[in-house]
């Protein structure tokens, strides 16, 4: 597991929309299991209600639903491929992401987005 920043040096947000191309580079998601406590953007209330407990969505349905979310405050995402969990992304308090996956994926995410350091 690696812990990366949720906010870049120039104030940009690193969120699922940023991570999709990275995920696609390493795995082919079939489904997503999500639990979203709080997020911001269009359909945020719908997503929070829908995923108050583990909710599983096909990849295309997840991408459509989460398309206009620009920030996940607190949320848990499990990416499944071939029916098996392959990646896990946990947004914590709008501060950082805990990322678990293959060593190659974790290294890529750490190099691209930067390590989170407690202030």
N, C-alpha and C. Protein backbone atom coordinates (compact mmCIF):
# COMPACT_ATOMS: atom_id res chain seq x y z
N UNK A 1 0.84 -1.18 0.00
CA UNK A 1 0.00 0.00 0.00
C UNK A 1 0.88 1.24 0.00
N UNK A 2 0.43 2.25 -0.77
CA UNK A 2 1.11 3.54 -0.77
C UNK A 2 0.07 4.61 -0.42
N UNK A 3 0.55 5.71 0.09
CA UNK A 3 -0.32 6.83 0.44
C UNK A 3 0.10 8.02 -0.42
N UNK A 4 -0.85 8.50 -1.23
CA UNK A 4 -0.55 9.61 -2.12
C UNK A 4 -1.39 10.83 -1.74
N UNK A 5 -0.95 11.97 -2.25
CA UNK A 5 -1.64 13.23 -1.99
C UNK A 5 -3.00 13.28 -2.70
N UNK A 6 -3.93 14.00 -2.13
CA UNK A 6 -5.17 14.26 -2.83
C UNK A 6 -5.14 15.64 -3.48
N UNK A 7 -4.20 16.47 -3.06
CA UNK A 7 -4.07 17.81 -3.60
C UNK A 7 -2.65 17.99 -4.12
N UNK A 8 -2.53 18.44 -5.37
CA UNK A 8 -1.23 18.66 -5.96
C UNK A 8 -0.62 19.98 -5.54
N UNK A 9 0.59 20.21 -5.94
CA UNK A 9 1.33 21.41 -5.58
C UNK A 9 0.67 22.68 -6.09
N UNK A 10 -0.05 22.58 -7.20
CA UNK A 10 -0.72 23.75 -7.78
C UNK A 10 -2.19 23.82 -7.39
N UNK A 11 -2.57 23.07 -6.36
CA UNK A 11 -3.94 23.10 -5.87
C UNK A 11 -4.89 22.17 -6.62
N UNK A 12 -4.39 21.43 -7.61
CA UNK A 12 -5.26 20.53 -8.35
C UNK A 12 -5.67 19.35 -7.47
N UNK A 13 -6.86 18.82 -7.75
CA UNK A 13 -7.36 17.68 -7.01
C UNK A 13 -7.04 16.40 -7.76
N UNK A 14 -6.58 15.41 -7.04
CA UNK A 14 -6.36 14.08 -7.60
C UNK A 14 -7.52 13.21 -7.13
N UNK A 15 -8.33 12.78 -8.07
CA UNK A 15 -9.50 12.00 -7.71
C UNK A 15 -9.69 10.89 -8.74
N UNK A 16 -10.77 10.14 -8.60
CA UNK A 16 -11.01 8.98 -9.46
C UNK A 16 -10.94 9.36 -10.93
N UNK A 17 -11.49 10.51 -11.29
CA UNK A 17 -11.43 10.91 -12.70
C UNK A 17 -9.99 11.04 -13.18
N UNK A 18 -9.10 11.44 -12.30
CA UNK A 18 -7.67 11.51 -12.64
C UNK A 18 -7.06 10.13 -12.75
N UNK A 19 -7.56 9.20 -11.94
CA UNK A 19 -6.95 7.88 -11.82
C UNK A 19 -7.41 6.88 -12.88
N UNK A 20 -8.50 7.16 -13.58
CA UNK A 20 -9.04 6.16 -14.51
C UNK A 20 -8.06 5.76 -15.60
N UNK A 21 -7.33 6.71 -16.16
CA UNK A 21 -6.35 6.34 -17.19
C UNK A 21 -5.22 5.51 -16.60
N UNK A 22 -4.87 5.79 -15.35
CA UNK A 22 -3.83 5.00 -14.68
C UNK A 22 -4.34 3.58 -14.44
N UNK A 23 -5.55 3.47 -13.97
CA UNK A 23 -6.15 2.15 -13.71
C UNK A 23 -6.22 1.36 -15.00
N UNK A 24 -6.71 2.00 -16.07
CA UNK A 24 -6.85 1.31 -17.36
C UNK A 24 -5.51 0.84 -17.91
N UNK A 25 -4.47 1.53 -17.55
CA UNK A 25 -3.13 1.15 -18.02
C UNK A 25 -2.65 -0.16 -17.39
N UNK A 26 -3.18 -0.46 -16.19
CA UNK A 26 -2.69 -1.63 -15.45
C UNK A 26 -3.69 -2.78 -15.38
N UNK A 27 -4.99 -2.48 -15.41
CA UNK A 27 -6.02 -3.53 -15.31
C UNK A 27 -7.21 -3.17 -16.20
N UNK A 28 -8.03 -4.18 -16.46
CA UNK A 28 -9.29 -3.96 -17.16
C UNK A 28 -10.42 -4.20 -16.15
N UNK A 29 -10.95 -3.12 -15.59
CA UNK A 29 -12.01 -3.30 -14.59
C UNK A 29 -13.27 -3.90 -15.19
N UNK A 30 -13.84 -4.88 -14.48
CA UNK A 30 -15.16 -5.41 -14.83
C UNK A 30 -16.22 -4.70 -14.01
N UNK A 31 -15.95 -4.65 -12.72
CA UNK A 31 -16.90 -4.06 -11.77
C UNK A 31 -16.16 -3.28 -10.71
N UNK A 32 -16.91 -2.45 -10.04
CA UNK A 32 -16.42 -1.65 -8.92
C UNK A 32 -17.33 -1.88 -7.73
N UNK A 33 -16.76 -2.03 -6.57
CA UNK A 33 -17.53 -2.00 -5.33
C UNK A 33 -17.17 -0.69 -4.66
N UNK A 34 -18.20 0.09 -4.33
CA UNK A 34 -17.95 1.42 -3.77
C UNK A 34 -18.76 1.64 -2.50
N UNK A 35 -18.15 2.39 -1.61
CA UNK A 35 -18.84 2.95 -0.44
C UNK A 35 -18.36 4.40 -0.36
N UNK A 36 -19.27 5.32 -0.60
CA UNK A 36 -18.92 6.74 -0.62
C UNK A 36 -19.64 7.43 0.52
N UNK A 37 -18.88 7.93 1.47
CA UNK A 37 -19.46 8.67 2.58
C UNK A 37 -19.75 10.11 2.19
N UNK A 38 -18.83 10.69 1.40
CA UNK A 38 -19.03 12.07 0.98
C UNK A 38 -18.21 12.34 -0.28
N UNK A 39 -18.86 12.99 -1.25
CA UNK A 39 -18.18 13.41 -2.47
C UNK A 39 -18.82 14.70 -2.95
N UNK A 40 -18.19 15.34 -3.94
CA UNK A 40 -18.69 16.62 -4.45
C UNK A 40 -18.79 16.56 -5.96
N UNK A 41 -19.87 17.13 -6.47
CA UNK A 41 -20.12 17.18 -7.90
C UNK A 41 -21.54 16.75 -8.20
N UNK A 42 -21.89 16.79 -9.49
CA UNK A 42 -23.22 16.35 -9.91
C UNK A 42 -23.46 14.91 -9.47
N UNK A 43 -24.64 14.64 -9.01
CA UNK A 43 -25.09 13.32 -8.57
C UNK A 43 -24.46 12.87 -7.24
N UNK A 44 -23.80 13.78 -6.54
CA UNK A 44 -23.14 13.41 -5.28
C UNK A 44 -24.13 12.83 -4.27
N UNK A 45 -25.27 13.46 -4.10
CA UNK A 45 -26.26 12.97 -3.13
C UNK A 45 -26.73 11.59 -3.54
N UNK A 46 -27.01 11.41 -4.82
CA UNK A 46 -27.45 10.10 -5.33
C UNK A 46 -26.40 9.02 -5.06
N UNK A 47 -25.15 9.34 -5.33
CA UNK A 47 -24.07 8.38 -5.13
C UNK A 47 -23.92 8.04 -3.65
N UNK A 48 -23.97 9.03 -2.79
CA UNK A 48 -23.82 8.80 -1.36
C UNK A 48 -24.96 7.92 -0.83
N UNK A 49 -26.18 8.16 -1.29
CA UNK A 49 -27.31 7.33 -0.87
C UNK A 49 -27.20 5.92 -1.43
N UNK A 50 -26.84 5.81 -2.69
CA UNK A 50 -26.73 4.52 -3.36
C UNK A 50 -25.67 3.64 -2.71
N UNK A 51 -24.59 4.25 -2.28
CA UNK A 51 -23.46 3.47 -1.80
C UNK A 51 -23.28 3.56 -0.29
N UNK A 52 -24.36 3.73 0.44
CA UNK A 52 -24.25 3.80 1.90
C UNK A 52 -23.73 2.49 2.49
N UNK A 53 -23.86 1.42 1.74
CA UNK A 53 -23.20 0.15 2.07
C UNK A 53 -22.59 -0.34 0.75
N UNK A 54 -21.80 -1.39 0.80
CA UNK A 54 -21.13 -1.86 -0.42
C UNK A 54 -22.11 -1.93 -1.58
N UNK A 55 -21.78 -1.24 -2.64
CA UNK A 55 -22.61 -1.26 -3.84
C UNK A 55 -21.71 -1.61 -5.01
N UNK A 56 -22.13 -2.59 -5.79
CA UNK A 56 -21.32 -3.05 -6.93
C UNK A 56 -21.94 -2.57 -8.23
N UNK A 57 -21.08 -2.04 -9.10
CA UNK A 57 -21.51 -1.51 -10.40
C UNK A 57 -20.60 -2.05 -11.49
N UNK A 58 -21.17 -2.30 -12.66
CA UNK A 58 -20.35 -2.61 -13.83
C UNK A 58 -19.47 -1.41 -14.13
N UNK A 59 -18.33 -1.64 -14.74
CA UNK A 59 -17.37 -0.57 -15.01
C UNK A 59 -18.02 0.59 -15.75
N UNK A 60 -18.75 0.32 -16.82
CA UNK A 60 -19.35 1.41 -17.60
C UNK A 60 -20.39 2.17 -16.78
N UNK A 61 -21.15 1.49 -15.94
CA UNK A 61 -22.14 2.15 -15.09
C UNK A 61 -21.45 3.02 -14.04
N UNK A 62 -20.35 2.51 -13.47
CA UNK A 62 -19.60 3.29 -12.49
C UNK A 62 -19.06 4.56 -13.13
N UNK A 63 -18.45 4.44 -14.30
CA UNK A 63 -17.86 5.62 -14.96
C UNK A 63 -18.92 6.65 -15.31
N UNK A 64 -20.07 6.20 -15.73
CA UNK A 64 -21.17 7.10 -16.05
C UNK A 64 -21.67 7.80 -14.79
N UNK A 65 -21.87 7.05 -13.73
CA UNK A 65 -22.36 7.60 -12.47
C UNK A 65 -21.37 8.59 -11.86
N UNK A 66 -20.09 8.28 -11.90
CA UNK A 66 -19.07 9.07 -11.20
C UNK A 66 -18.44 10.14 -12.08
N UNK A 67 -18.90 10.25 -13.31
CA UNK A 67 -18.29 11.13 -14.31
C UNK A 67 -18.10 12.57 -13.84
N UNK A 68 -19.11 13.14 -13.21
CA UNK A 68 -19.04 14.55 -12.84
C UNK A 68 -18.66 14.79 -11.38
N UNK A 69 -18.14 13.78 -10.72
CA UNK A 69 -17.65 13.97 -9.36
C UNK A 69 -16.22 14.49 -9.45
N UNK A 70 -15.98 15.63 -8.82
CA UNK A 70 -14.64 16.19 -8.90
C UNK A 70 -13.82 15.97 -7.63
N UNK A 71 -14.48 15.58 -6.54
CA UNK A 71 -13.72 15.29 -5.32
C UNK A 71 -14.44 14.26 -4.46
N UNK A 72 -13.68 13.27 -4.04
CA UNK A 72 -14.16 12.31 -3.07
C UNK A 72 -13.57 12.70 -1.72
N UNK A 73 -14.42 13.05 -0.78
CA UNK A 73 -13.95 13.44 0.55
C UNK A 73 -13.57 12.17 1.32
N UNK A 74 -14.51 11.26 1.44
CA UNK A 74 -14.29 9.96 2.07
C UNK A 74 -14.98 8.91 1.21
N UNK A 75 -14.21 7.95 0.75
CA UNK A 75 -14.79 6.91 -0.08
C UNK A 75 -13.85 5.73 -0.24
N UNK A 76 -14.45 4.59 -0.52
CA UNK A 76 -13.70 3.35 -0.66
C UNK A 76 -14.09 2.70 -1.98
N UNK A 77 -13.11 2.41 -2.81
CA UNK A 77 -13.32 1.83 -4.13
C UNK A 77 -12.52 0.54 -4.24
N UNK A 78 -13.16 -0.52 -4.68
CA UNK A 78 -12.48 -1.77 -4.97
C UNK A 78 -12.73 -2.07 -6.44
N UNK A 79 -11.66 -2.24 -7.19
CA UNK A 79 -11.73 -2.54 -8.61
C UNK A 79 -11.60 -4.05 -8.77
N UNK A 80 -12.57 -4.64 -9.47
CA UNK A 80 -12.54 -6.08 -9.73
C UNK A 80 -12.30 -6.33 -11.21
N UNK A 81 -11.51 -7.33 -11.47
CA UNK A 81 -11.25 -7.77 -12.84
C UNK A 81 -11.32 -9.28 -12.84
N UNK A 82 -12.10 -9.84 -13.75
CA UNK A 82 -12.29 -11.28 -13.74
C UNK A 82 -12.95 -11.76 -12.47
N UNK A 83 -13.72 -10.87 -11.85
CA UNK A 83 -14.42 -11.22 -10.61
C UNK A 83 -13.56 -11.17 -9.36
N UNK A 84 -12.29 -10.84 -9.50
CA UNK A 84 -11.36 -10.79 -8.36
C UNK A 84 -10.96 -9.35 -8.06
N UNK A 85 -10.87 -8.98 -6.78
CA UNK A 85 -10.38 -7.64 -6.44
C UNK A 85 -8.91 -7.49 -6.83
N UNK A 86 -8.61 -6.41 -7.56
CA UNK A 86 -7.23 -6.20 -8.02
C UNK A 86 -6.64 -4.87 -7.55
N UNK A 87 -7.49 -3.89 -7.27
CA UNK A 87 -7.03 -2.59 -6.78
C UNK A 87 -7.98 -2.10 -5.71
N UNK A 88 -7.43 -1.34 -4.79
CA UNK A 88 -8.25 -0.71 -3.76
C UNK A 88 -7.78 0.72 -3.59
N UNK A 89 -8.74 1.65 -3.57
CA UNK A 89 -8.44 3.06 -3.41
C UNK A 89 -9.32 3.60 -2.29
N UNK A 90 -8.71 4.24 -1.33
CA UNK A 90 -9.43 4.76 -0.17
C UNK A 90 -9.12 6.24 -0.02
N UNK A 91 -10.15 7.08 -0.17
CA UNK A 91 -10.01 8.53 0.04
C UNK A 91 -10.27 8.80 1.51
N UNK A 92 -9.36 9.53 2.15
CA UNK A 92 -9.46 9.79 3.58
C UNK A 92 -9.51 11.29 3.84
N UNK A 93 -10.66 11.74 4.31
CA UNK A 93 -10.83 13.09 4.84
C UNK A 93 -10.33 14.19 3.91
N UNK A 94 -10.50 14.00 2.61
CA UNK A 94 -10.06 15.00 1.63
C UNK A 94 -8.59 15.36 1.78
N UNK A 95 -7.80 14.43 2.29
CA UNK A 95 -6.38 14.70 2.53
C UNK A 95 -5.47 13.82 1.71
N UNK A 96 -5.78 12.52 1.64
CA UNK A 96 -4.89 11.59 0.96
C UNK A 96 -5.66 10.39 0.46
N UNK A 97 -4.97 9.60 -0.35
CA UNK A 97 -5.49 8.33 -0.87
C UNK A 97 -4.57 7.21 -0.41
N UNK A 98 -5.15 6.13 0.06
CA UNK A 98 -4.41 4.90 0.30
C UNK A 98 -4.69 4.00 -0.90
N UNK A 99 -3.63 3.60 -1.59
CA UNK A 99 -3.74 2.85 -2.83
C UNK A 99 -3.09 1.49 -2.64
N UNK A 100 -3.83 0.43 -2.97
CA UNK A 100 -3.30 -0.93 -2.92
C UNK A 100 -3.52 -1.60 -4.25
N UNK A 101 -2.51 -2.30 -4.70
CA UNK A 101 -2.59 -3.03 -5.96
C UNK A 101 -1.28 -3.74 -6.20
N UNK A 102 -0.97 -3.95 -7.46
CA UNK A 102 0.30 -4.58 -7.79
C UNK A 102 1.43 -3.62 -7.44
N UNK A 103 2.62 -4.15 -7.21
CA UNK A 103 3.76 -3.25 -6.95
C UNK A 103 3.97 -2.24 -8.08
N UNK A 104 3.77 -2.66 -9.32
CA UNK A 104 3.94 -1.75 -10.46
C UNK A 104 2.92 -0.61 -10.41
N UNK A 105 1.67 -0.93 -10.10
CA UNK A 105 0.63 0.09 -10.00
C UNK A 105 0.91 1.04 -8.84
N UNK A 106 1.25 0.51 -7.71
CA UNK A 106 1.54 1.35 -6.55
C UNK A 106 2.72 2.28 -6.85
N UNK A 107 3.76 1.77 -7.45
CA UNK A 107 4.94 2.60 -7.78
C UNK A 107 4.57 3.70 -8.76
N UNK A 108 3.77 3.34 -9.75
CA UNK A 108 3.31 4.33 -10.74
C UNK A 108 2.53 5.46 -10.07
N UNK A 109 1.59 5.10 -9.22
CA UNK A 109 0.75 6.10 -8.57
C UNK A 109 1.58 7.01 -7.66
N UNK A 110 2.51 6.43 -6.95
CA UNK A 110 3.38 7.21 -6.07
C UNK A 110 4.24 8.18 -6.88
N UNK A 111 4.81 7.70 -7.97
CA UNK A 111 5.66 8.55 -8.81
C UNK A 111 4.86 9.66 -9.49
N UNK A 112 3.67 9.35 -9.95
CA UNK A 112 2.87 10.33 -10.69
C UNK A 112 2.22 11.38 -9.80
N UNK A 113 1.69 10.96 -8.64
CA UNK A 113 0.92 11.89 -7.81
C UNK A 113 1.65 12.38 -6.57
N UNK A 114 2.67 11.71 -6.17
CA UNK A 114 3.46 12.14 -5.03
C UNK A 114 2.97 11.59 -3.70
N UNK A 115 3.91 11.36 -2.84
CA UNK A 115 3.60 10.81 -1.51
C UNK A 115 2.92 11.87 -0.65
N UNK A 116 2.01 11.43 0.18
CA UNK A 116 1.37 12.31 1.15
C UNK A 116 2.20 12.29 2.41
N UNK A 117 2.44 13.47 2.96
CA UNK A 117 3.18 13.59 4.20
C UNK A 117 2.32 14.37 5.20
N UNK A 118 2.21 13.81 6.39
CA UNK A 118 1.43 14.49 7.44
C UNK A 118 2.06 15.85 7.72
N UNK A 119 1.21 16.85 7.79
CA UNK A 119 1.68 18.24 8.01
C UNK A 119 2.18 18.43 9.42
